[in-house]
Amino acid sequence: MACCSDVHRQFDKFANGKVQVGELPKWAHVSGKVAWYVYQGPYSELGSKGFSTFWKKFGEAKPEMDGPPGDVYVSSPDCHEEDKQTKMLTIIWCPIK
């Protein structure tokens, strides 16, 4: 996991937690105010668990959507072979007003 340890230091505390509101780091190439959620888990479950959880928590937080959602793959699958991608991070986001 050494190849993405900086990302884990920055985002592990948010993994599978609440939807956050604010701006993402410049390296994410997402500009403006967004609601974002850090999904921790394998890519194979991103649609069934990651996005479904994001939308549930997004609805609970009640921000006003201002465009289509997206995701930023912040961990490489190669860095997570030992843990079978269970610790891999993906940021799911949506622009808000």
N, C-alpha and C. Protein backbone atom coordinates (compact mmCIF):
# COMPACT_ATOMS: atom_id res chain seq x y z
N MET A 1 0.81 -1.19 0.00
CA MET A 1 0.00 0.00 0.00
C MET A 1 0.86 1.26 0.00
N ALA A 2 2.16 1.13 -0.08
CA ALA A 2 3.04 2.28 -0.03
C ALA A 2 2.80 3.25 -1.18
N CYS A 3 2.31 2.76 -2.31
CA CYS A 3 2.15 3.65 -3.47
C CYS A 3 0.99 4.63 -3.31
N CYS A 4 0.12 4.45 -2.36
CA CYS A 4 -0.98 5.41 -2.16
C CYS A 4 -1.11 5.80 -0.68
N SER A 5 -0.03 5.71 0.05
CA SER A 5 -0.09 5.98 1.49
C SER A 5 -0.45 7.44 1.79
N ASP A 6 -0.04 8.39 0.94
CA ASP A 6 -0.40 9.79 1.17
C ASP A 6 -1.91 9.99 1.10
N VAL A 7 -2.54 9.35 0.13
CA VAL A 7 -3.99 9.45 -0.02
C VAL A 7 -4.69 8.83 1.20
N HIS A 8 -4.17 7.71 1.67
CA HIS A 8 -4.78 7.07 2.84
C HIS A 8 -4.64 7.95 4.08
N ARG A 9 -3.50 8.61 4.23
CA ARG A 9 -3.34 9.52 5.37
C ARG A 9 -4.37 10.65 5.31
N GLN A 10 -4.67 11.10 4.10
CA GLN A 10 -5.59 12.22 3.92
C GLN A 10 -7.06 11.81 4.02
N PHE A 11 -7.41 10.60 3.55
CA PHE A 11 -8.83 10.26 3.40
C PHE A 11 -9.33 9.07 4.20
N ASP A 12 -8.48 8.27 4.81
CA ASP A 12 -8.96 7.12 5.58
C ASP A 12 -9.98 7.51 6.65
N LYS A 13 -9.78 8.67 7.26
CA LYS A 13 -10.68 9.09 8.34
C LYS A 13 -12.11 9.34 7.85
N PHE A 14 -12.29 9.51 6.53
CA PHE A 14 -13.61 9.73 5.96
C PHE A 14 -14.22 8.46 5.36
N ALA A 15 -13.44 7.39 5.29
CA ALA A 15 -13.86 6.17 4.57
C ALA A 15 -15.17 5.61 5.11
N ASN A 16 -16.12 5.44 4.20
CA ASN A 16 -17.44 4.88 4.49
C ASN A 16 -18.16 5.62 5.61
N GLY A 17 -17.85 6.90 5.73
CA GLY A 17 -18.47 7.74 6.75
C GLY A 17 -19.56 8.62 6.17
N LYS A 18 -19.63 9.83 6.65
CA LYS A 18 -20.66 10.78 6.22
C LYS A 18 -20.27 11.45 4.90
N VAL A 19 -21.27 11.99 4.22
CA VAL A 19 -21.02 12.83 3.05
C VAL A 19 -20.43 14.14 3.56
N GLN A 20 -19.37 14.58 2.92
CA GLN A 20 -18.70 15.82 3.26
C GLN A 20 -19.09 16.88 2.23
N VAL A 21 -18.97 18.15 2.59
CA VAL A 21 -19.26 19.24 1.67
C VAL A 21 -18.06 20.16 1.63
N GLY A 22 -17.66 20.54 0.42
CA GLY A 22 -16.54 21.45 0.25
C GLY A 22 -15.85 21.21 -1.07
N GLU A 23 -14.61 21.67 -1.17
CA GLU A 23 -13.83 21.49 -2.39
C GLU A 23 -12.85 20.34 -2.20
N LEU A 24 -12.61 19.62 -3.27
CA LEU A 24 -11.63 18.53 -3.25
C LEU A 24 -10.25 19.10 -3.58
N PRO A 25 -9.18 18.37 -3.24
CA PRO A 25 -7.84 18.84 -3.57
C PRO A 25 -7.67 19.03 -5.08
N LYS A 26 -6.79 19.94 -5.47
CA LYS A 26 -6.56 20.23 -6.89
C LYS A 26 -6.21 18.99 -7.70
N TRP A 27 -5.46 18.05 -7.10
CA TRP A 27 -5.05 16.86 -7.84
C TRP A 27 -6.23 15.98 -8.25
N ALA A 28 -7.41 16.20 -7.65
CA ALA A 28 -8.59 15.41 -8.00
C ALA A 28 -9.23 15.89 -9.31
N HIS A 29 -8.85 17.09 -9.77
CA HIS A 29 -9.37 17.67 -11.01
C HIS A 29 -10.89 17.83 -10.98
N VAL A 30 -11.40 18.18 -9.81
CA VAL A 30 -12.83 18.47 -9.62
C VAL A 30 -12.88 19.88 -9.04
N SER A 31 -13.54 20.79 -9.73
CA SER A 31 -13.55 22.17 -9.23
C SER A 31 -14.93 22.55 -8.70
N GLY A 32 -14.91 23.47 -7.77
CA GLY A 32 -16.15 23.98 -7.19
C GLY A 32 -16.60 23.20 -5.97
N LYS A 33 -17.71 23.65 -5.44
CA LYS A 33 -18.28 23.07 -4.23
C LYS A 33 -18.99 21.76 -4.57
N VAL A 34 -18.64 20.72 -3.85
CA VAL A 34 -19.24 19.40 -4.09
C VAL A 34 -19.60 18.73 -2.77
N ALA A 35 -20.53 17.80 -2.86
CA ALA A 35 -20.76 16.85 -1.77
C ALA A 35 -19.94 15.63 -2.16
N TRP A 36 -19.14 15.12 -1.23
CA TRP A 36 -18.28 13.99 -1.57
C TRP A 36 -18.28 12.95 -0.47
N TYR A 37 -18.02 11.73 -0.90
CA TYR A 37 -18.07 10.55 -0.03
C TYR A 37 -16.89 9.66 -0.39
N VAL A 38 -16.19 9.16 0.61
CA VAL A 38 -15.06 8.27 0.37
C VAL A 38 -15.53 6.83 0.55
N TYR A 39 -15.60 6.12 -0.56
CA TYR A 39 -15.95 4.70 -0.53
C TYR A 39 -14.66 3.90 -0.37
N GLN A 40 -14.63 3.02 0.62
CA GLN A 40 -13.50 2.12 0.81
C GLN A 40 -13.98 0.71 0.52
N GLY A 41 -13.41 0.12 -0.52
CA GLY A 41 -13.80 -1.23 -0.92
C GLY A 41 -13.39 -1.50 -2.35
N PRO A 42 -13.63 -2.71 -2.81
CA PRO A 42 -13.19 -3.10 -4.15
C PRO A 42 -14.00 -2.42 -5.26
N TYR A 43 -13.35 -2.21 -6.39
CA TYR A 43 -14.03 -1.63 -7.55
C TYR A 43 -15.25 -2.45 -7.95
N SER A 44 -15.17 -3.75 -7.76
CA SER A 44 -16.29 -4.62 -8.17
C SER A 44 -17.58 -4.30 -7.41
N GLU A 45 -17.47 -3.61 -6.28
CA GLU A 45 -18.65 -3.26 -5.48
C GLU A 45 -18.94 -1.76 -5.50
N LEU A 46 -18.24 -1.02 -6.36
CA LEU A 46 -18.42 0.43 -6.40
C LEU A 46 -19.86 0.81 -6.76
N GLY A 47 -20.44 0.14 -7.73
CA GLY A 47 -21.82 0.44 -8.11
C GLY A 47 -22.83 -0.03 -7.10
N SER A 48 -22.68 -1.26 -6.64
CA SER A 48 -23.69 -1.83 -5.74
C SER A 48 -23.59 -1.31 -4.31
N LYS A 49 -22.41 -0.98 -3.86
CA LYS A 49 -22.25 -0.49 -2.48
C LYS A 49 -21.84 0.98 -2.43
N GLY A 50 -20.84 1.36 -3.21
CA GLY A 50 -20.32 2.72 -3.14
C GLY A 50 -21.34 3.78 -3.52
N PHE A 51 -21.83 3.69 -4.76
CA PHE A 51 -22.78 4.70 -5.23
C PHE A 51 -24.11 4.63 -4.51
N SER A 52 -24.58 3.44 -4.21
CA SER A 52 -25.87 3.34 -3.51
C SER A 52 -25.78 3.96 -2.11
N THR A 53 -24.67 3.76 -1.44
CA THR A 53 -24.49 4.36 -0.11
C THR A 53 -24.34 5.87 -0.23
N PHE A 54 -23.58 6.33 -1.24
CA PHE A 54 -23.44 7.77 -1.46
C PHE A 54 -24.80 8.43 -1.63
N TRP A 55 -25.65 7.87 -2.49
CA TRP A 55 -26.95 8.50 -2.75
C TRP A 55 -27.85 8.47 -1.52
N LYS A 56 -27.77 7.43 -0.74
CA LYS A 56 -28.55 7.36 0.50
C LYS A 56 -28.11 8.47 1.45
N LYS A 57 -26.80 8.59 1.64
CA LYS A 57 -26.27 9.60 2.56
C LYS A 57 -26.42 11.01 2.00
N PHE A 58 -26.33 11.15 0.68
CA PHE A 58 -26.55 12.44 0.03
C PHE A 58 -27.98 12.90 0.31
N GLY A 59 -28.93 12.00 0.17
CA GLY A 59 -30.33 12.32 0.45
C GLY A 59 -30.56 12.72 1.89
N GLU A 60 -29.88 12.05 2.81
CA GLU A 60 -30.01 12.38 4.23
C GLU A 60 -29.43 13.75 4.55
N ALA A 61 -28.33 14.11 3.87
CA ALA A 61 -27.67 15.40 4.11
C ALA A 61 -28.43 16.56 3.46
N LYS A 62 -29.22 16.27 2.44
CA LYS A 62 -30.09 17.24 1.76
C LYS A 62 -29.39 18.42 1.08
N PRO A 63 -28.23 18.22 0.47
CA PRO A 63 -27.68 19.33 -0.32
C PRO A 63 -28.45 19.44 -1.64
N GLU A 64 -28.34 20.57 -2.32
CA GLU A 64 -29.04 20.75 -3.59
C GLU A 64 -28.08 20.44 -4.74
N MET A 65 -28.42 19.43 -5.51
CA MET A 65 -27.59 18.97 -6.61
C MET A 65 -27.48 20.05 -7.68
N ASP A 66 -26.28 20.20 -8.28
CA ASP A 66 -26.05 21.23 -9.29
C ASP A 66 -25.27 20.68 -10.48
N GLY A 67 -25.54 19.44 -10.85
CA GLY A 67 -24.84 18.83 -11.98
C GLY A 67 -24.69 17.34 -11.77
N PRO A 68 -24.13 16.67 -12.77
CA PRO A 68 -24.00 15.22 -12.69
C PRO A 68 -22.91 14.79 -11.71
N PRO A 69 -23.05 13.60 -11.13
CA PRO A 69 -22.04 13.08 -10.19
C PRO A 69 -20.83 12.53 -10.94
N GLY A 70 -19.83 12.21 -10.17
CA GLY A 70 -18.63 11.59 -10.74
C GLY A 70 -17.88 10.84 -9.67
N ASP A 71 -16.77 10.27 -10.06
CA ASP A 71 -15.92 9.59 -9.09
C ASP A 71 -14.47 9.78 -9.45
N VAL A 72 -13.62 9.71 -8.44
CA VAL A 72 -12.18 9.84 -8.60
C VAL A 72 -11.55 8.61 -7.98
N TYR A 73 -10.87 7.84 -8.80
CA TYR A 73 -10.17 6.66 -8.29
C TYR A 73 -8.85 7.13 -7.69
N VAL A 74 -8.75 7.10 -6.38
CA VAL A 74 -7.56 7.63 -5.72
C VAL A 74 -6.59 6.55 -5.29
N SER A 75 -6.97 5.30 -5.42
CA SER A 75 -6.09 4.17 -5.10
C SER A 75 -5.99 3.28 -6.33
N SER A 76 -4.83 2.72 -6.51
CA SER A 76 -4.62 1.78 -7.61
C SER A 76 -4.90 0.36 -7.14
N PRO A 77 -5.56 -0.45 -7.97
CA PRO A 77 -5.76 -1.85 -7.59
C PRO A 77 -4.44 -2.58 -7.33
N ASP A 78 -3.39 -2.17 -8.05
CA ASP A 78 -2.08 -2.79 -7.86
C ASP A 78 -1.54 -2.58 -6.45
N CYS A 79 -1.91 -1.47 -5.83
CA CYS A 79 -1.45 -1.18 -4.47
C CYS A 79 -2.23 -1.98 -3.42
N HIS A 80 -3.29 -2.63 -3.84
CA HIS A 80 -4.17 -3.31 -2.89
C HIS A 80 -4.38 -4.78 -3.22
N GLU A 81 -3.37 -5.40 -3.79
CA GLU A 81 -3.48 -6.84 -4.08
C GLU A 81 -3.49 -7.65 -2.79
N GLU A 82 -2.67 -7.26 -1.82
CA GLU A 82 -2.58 -8.01 -0.56
C GLU A 82 -3.88 -7.99 0.23
N ASP A 83 -4.57 -6.86 0.23
CA ASP A 83 -5.83 -6.78 1.00
C ASP A 83 -7.06 -7.04 0.13
N LYS A 84 -6.84 -7.55 -1.08
CA LYS A 84 -7.93 -7.89 -2.02
C LYS A 84 -8.85 -6.69 -2.27
N GLN A 85 -8.26 -5.51 -2.33
CA GLN A 85 -8.93 -4.24 -2.62
C GLN A 85 -9.89 -3.78 -1.52
N THR A 86 -9.88 -4.40 -0.38
CA THR A 86 -10.82 -3.99 0.68
C THR A 86 -10.49 -2.61 1.25
N LYS A 87 -9.26 -2.15 1.10
CA LYS A 87 -8.85 -0.84 1.64
C LYS A 87 -8.73 0.22 0.55
N MET A 88 -9.08 -0.13 -0.69
CA MET A 88 -8.97 0.80 -1.80
C MET A 88 -9.97 1.94 -1.64
N LEU A 89 -9.57 3.16 -2.02
CA LEU A 89 -10.40 4.34 -1.84
C LEU A 89 -10.86 4.92 -3.18
N THR A 90 -12.11 5.32 -3.23
CA THR A 90 -12.69 6.03 -4.37
C THR A 90 -13.52 7.18 -3.81
N ILE A 91 -13.34 8.37 -4.36
CA ILE A 91 -14.15 9.52 -3.94
C ILE A 91 -15.31 9.66 -4.92
N ILE A 92 -16.51 9.59 -4.40
CA ILE A 92 -17.72 9.79 -5.19
C ILE A 92 -18.22 11.20 -4.86
N TRP A 93 -18.52 11.98 -5.88
CA TRP A 93 -18.85 13.38 -5.65
C TRP A 93 -20.00 13.85 -6.55
N CYS A 94 -20.59 14.97 -6.15
CA CYS A 94 -21.65 15.59 -6.94
C CYS A 94 -21.58 17.10 -6.70
N PRO A 95 -21.59 17.92 -7.77
CA PRO A 95 -21.60 19.36 -7.56
C PRO A 95 -22.90 19.80 -6.87
N ILE A 96 -22.77 20.77 -5.99
CA ILE A 96 -23.94 21.26 -5.26
C ILE A 96 -23.99 22.79 -5.31
N LYS A 97 -25.16 23.33 -5.02
CA LYS A 97 -25.34 24.79 -4.99
C LYS A 97 -24.92 25.35 -3.67
